Every structure is written in structure tokens, then in C-alpha cells.
Amino acid sequence: MHLQLSEDQARELDALLETTLGDLSYEIAASDNPRFRTALSERRRLLLGLDNHLKAVISADDEETEAPVLLMEELAHPGG
């Protein structure tokens, strides 16, 4: 799956991810339920991968170099 965003959309998505990641960190720390904490940690891991990839794409656009393609399979299974 390929996702194409305008520069404004990419920056807005990046800001949303940053806010969500901060909220998740707080929720994970405050959770007393191990299963819920694990689920939140997994969600944070996936969103962090997406955020890092999005930042690389934005950075490449800023530098006018060839941007990496955002592949959803890479986000689901980073590094593999």
C-alpha cells in the first residue's frame, strides 16, 4: 500500500503523531493493567515507526532529495 500526502498533510500528521505518542507514554505509565499496558506499548511502537518514517520523508522533501517510499508492510514489521 502506498500513501501519498501533500507537504501540509504530512506535517499535520507528524504533529498528530507526536501528540498521540506523548499521550500514550503517559497512559502506559499510569496503567495498572499489564495487558492494557502491553497493548498500548505495541501501539506506541507502531506509531513511533510511522512517525520516524514520516520524519524521514519530510526531511528528504526539505532537502529536495529522493524521499523514501512509505510502505505499510515496513511499518507493521520494522527491520524485517
C-alpha atoms as a PDB file:
ATOM      1  CA  MET A   1       0.000   0.000   0.000  1.00  0.00           C
ATOM      2  CA  HIS A   2       1.305   3.443  -0.887  1.00  0.00           C
ATOM      3  CA  LEU A   3       0.183   6.624   0.815  1.00  0.00           C
ATOM      4  CA  GLN A   4       0.626   9.977  -0.881  1.00  0.00           C
ATOM      5  CA  LEU A   5       0.313  13.162   1.192  1.00  0.00           C
ATOM      6  CA  SER A   6       0.809  16.815   0.457  1.00  0.00           C
ATOM      7  CA  GLU A   7       3.531  18.550   2.455  1.00  0.00           C
ATOM      8  CA  ASP A   8       0.909  20.213   4.661  1.00  0.00           C
ATOM      9  CA  GLN A   9      -0.834  16.888   5.274  1.00  0.00           C
ATOM     10  CA  ALA A  10       2.450  15.180   6.147  1.00  0.00           C
ATOM     11  CA  ARG A  11       3.387  17.896   8.629  1.00  0.00           C
ATOM     12  CA  GLU A  12      -0.079  17.791  10.213  1.00  0.00           C
ATOM     13  CA  LEU A  13       0.098  14.006  10.510  1.00  0.00           C
ATOM     14  CA  ASP A  14       3.545  14.330  12.097  1.00  0.00           C
ATOM     15  CA  ALA A  15       2.186  16.800  14.673  1.00  0.00           C
ATOM     16  CA  LEU A  16      -0.741  14.485  15.420  1.00  0.00           C
ATOM     17  CA  LEU A  17       1.592  11.514  15.869  1.00  0.00           C
ATOM     18  CA  GLU A  18       3.823  13.498  18.242  1.00  0.00           C
ATOM     19  CA  THR A  19       0.819  14.410  20.404  1.00  0.00           C
ATOM     20  CA  THR A  20      -0.521  10.854  20.362  1.00  0.00           C
ATOM     21  CA  LEU A  21       2.879   9.390  21.259  1.00  0.00           C
ATOM     22  CA  GLY A  22       3.155  11.739  24.238  1.00  0.00           C
ATOM     23  CA  ASP A  23      -0.339  10.795  25.391  1.00  0.00           C
ATOM     24  CA  LEU A  24       0.462   7.089  25.017  1.00  0.00           C
ATOM     25  CA  SER A  25       3.587   7.403  27.136  1.00  0.00           C
ATOM     26  CA  TYR A  26       1.502   8.937  29.913  1.00  0.00           C
ATOM     27  CA  GLU A  27      -1.198   6.258  29.580  1.00  0.00           C
ATOM     28  CA  ILE A  28       1.369   3.449  29.660  1.00  0.00           C
ATOM     29  CA  ALA A  29       2.982   4.838  32.795  1.00  0.00           C
ATOM     30  CA  ALA A  30      -0.387   5.288  34.500  1.00  0.00           C
ATOM     31  CA  SER A  31      -1.803   1.852  33.613  1.00  0.00           C
ATOM     32  CA  ASP A  32      -2.031  -0.815  36.309  1.00  0.00           C
ATOM     33  CA  ASN A  33      -3.353  -3.450  33.883  1.00  0.00           C
ATOM     34  CA  PRO A  34      -0.470  -5.440  32.322  1.00  0.00           C
ATOM     35  CA  ARG A  35      -2.463  -6.478  29.223  1.00  0.00           C
ATOM     36  CA  PHE A  36      -3.631  -2.945  28.558  1.00  0.00           C
ATOM     37  CA  ARG A  37      -0.099  -1.624  29.112  1.00  0.00           C
ATOM     38  CA  THR A  38       1.252  -4.190  26.636  1.00  0.00           C
ATOM     39  CA  ALA A  39      -1.372  -3.234  24.041  1.00  0.00           C
ATOM     40  CA  LEU A  40      -0.554   0.452  24.497  1.00  0.00           C
ATOM     41  CA  SER A  41       3.169  -0.267  24.212  1.00  0.00           C
ATOM     42  CA  GLU A  42       2.600  -2.143  20.943  1.00  0.00           C
ATOM     43  CA  ARG A  43       0.512   0.740  19.611  1.00  0.00           C
ATOM     44  CA  ARG A  44       3.268   3.180  20.600  1.00  0.00           C
ATOM     45  CA  ARG A  45       5.876   1.016  18.843  1.00  0.00           C
ATOM     46  CA  LEU A  46       3.862   1.014  15.614  1.00  0.00           C
ATOM     47  CA  LEU A  47       3.129   4.738  15.754  1.00  0.00           C
ATOM     48  CA  LEU A  48       6.758   5.538  16.572  1.00  0.00           C
ATOM     49  CA  GLY A  49       7.832   3.599  13.473  1.00  0.00           C
ATOM     50  CA  LEU A  50       5.326   5.541  11.396  1.00  0.00           C
ATOM     51  CA  ASP A  51       6.467   8.844  12.903  1.00  0.00           C
ATOM     52  CA  ASN A  52      10.142   8.086  12.268  1.00  0.00           C
ATOM     53  CA  HIS A  53       9.427   7.092   8.683  1.00  0.00           C
ATOM     54  CA  LEU A  54       7.279  10.175   8.129  1.00  0.00           C
ATOM     55  CA  LYS A  55      10.038  12.415   9.516  1.00  0.00           C
ATOM     56  CA  ALA A  56      12.498  10.842   7.043  1.00  0.00           C
ATOM     57  CA  VAL A  57      10.113  11.557   4.178  1.00  0.00           C
ATOM     58  CA  ILE A  58       9.568  15.152   5.325  1.00  0.00           C
ATOM     59  CA  SER A  59      13.301  15.658   5.788  1.00  0.00           C
ATOM     60  CA  ALA A  60      14.033  14.276   2.315  1.00  0.00           C
ATOM     61  CA  ASP A  61      11.426  16.636   0.856  1.00  0.00           C
ATOM     62  CA  ASP A  62      13.004  19.575   2.695  1.00  0.00           C
ATOM     63  CA  GLU A  63      16.405  18.652   1.268  1.00  0.00           C
ATOM     64  CA  GLU A  64      14.910  18.001  -2.184  1.00  0.00           C
ATOM     65  CA  THR A  65      16.385  14.501  -2.302  1.00  0.00           C
ATOM     66  CA  GLU A  66      14.566  11.356  -3.273  1.00  0.00           C
ATOM     67  CA  ALA A  67      12.130  10.604  -0.471  1.00  0.00           C
ATOM     68  CA  PRO A  68      11.789   7.071   0.867  1.00  0.00           C
ATOM     69  CA  VAL A  69       8.539   5.376  -0.105  1.00  0.00           C
ATOM     70  CA  LEU A  70       6.158   4.802   2.770  1.00  0.00           C
ATOM     71  CA  LEU A  71       5.259   1.110   2.723  1.00  0.00           C
ATOM     72  CA  MET A  72       2.712  -0.052   5.245  1.00  0.00           C
ATOM     73  CA  GLU A  73       4.328  -3.519   5.383  1.00  0.00           C
ATOM     74  CA  GLU A  74       7.572  -1.948   6.678  1.00  0.00           C
ATOM     75  CA  LEU A  75       5.693  -0.207   9.452  1.00  0.00           C
ATOM     76  CA  ALA A  76       3.991  -3.390  10.594  1.00  0.00           C
ATOM     77  CA  HIS A  77       7.284  -5.304  10.621  1.00  0.00           C
ATOM     78  CA  PRO A  78      10.153  -2.816  11.033  1.00  0.00           C
ATOM     79  CA  GLY A  79      13.596  -4.140  10.238  1.00  0.00           C
ATOM     80  CA  GLY A  80      12.306  -7.330   8.684  1.00  0.00           C
END
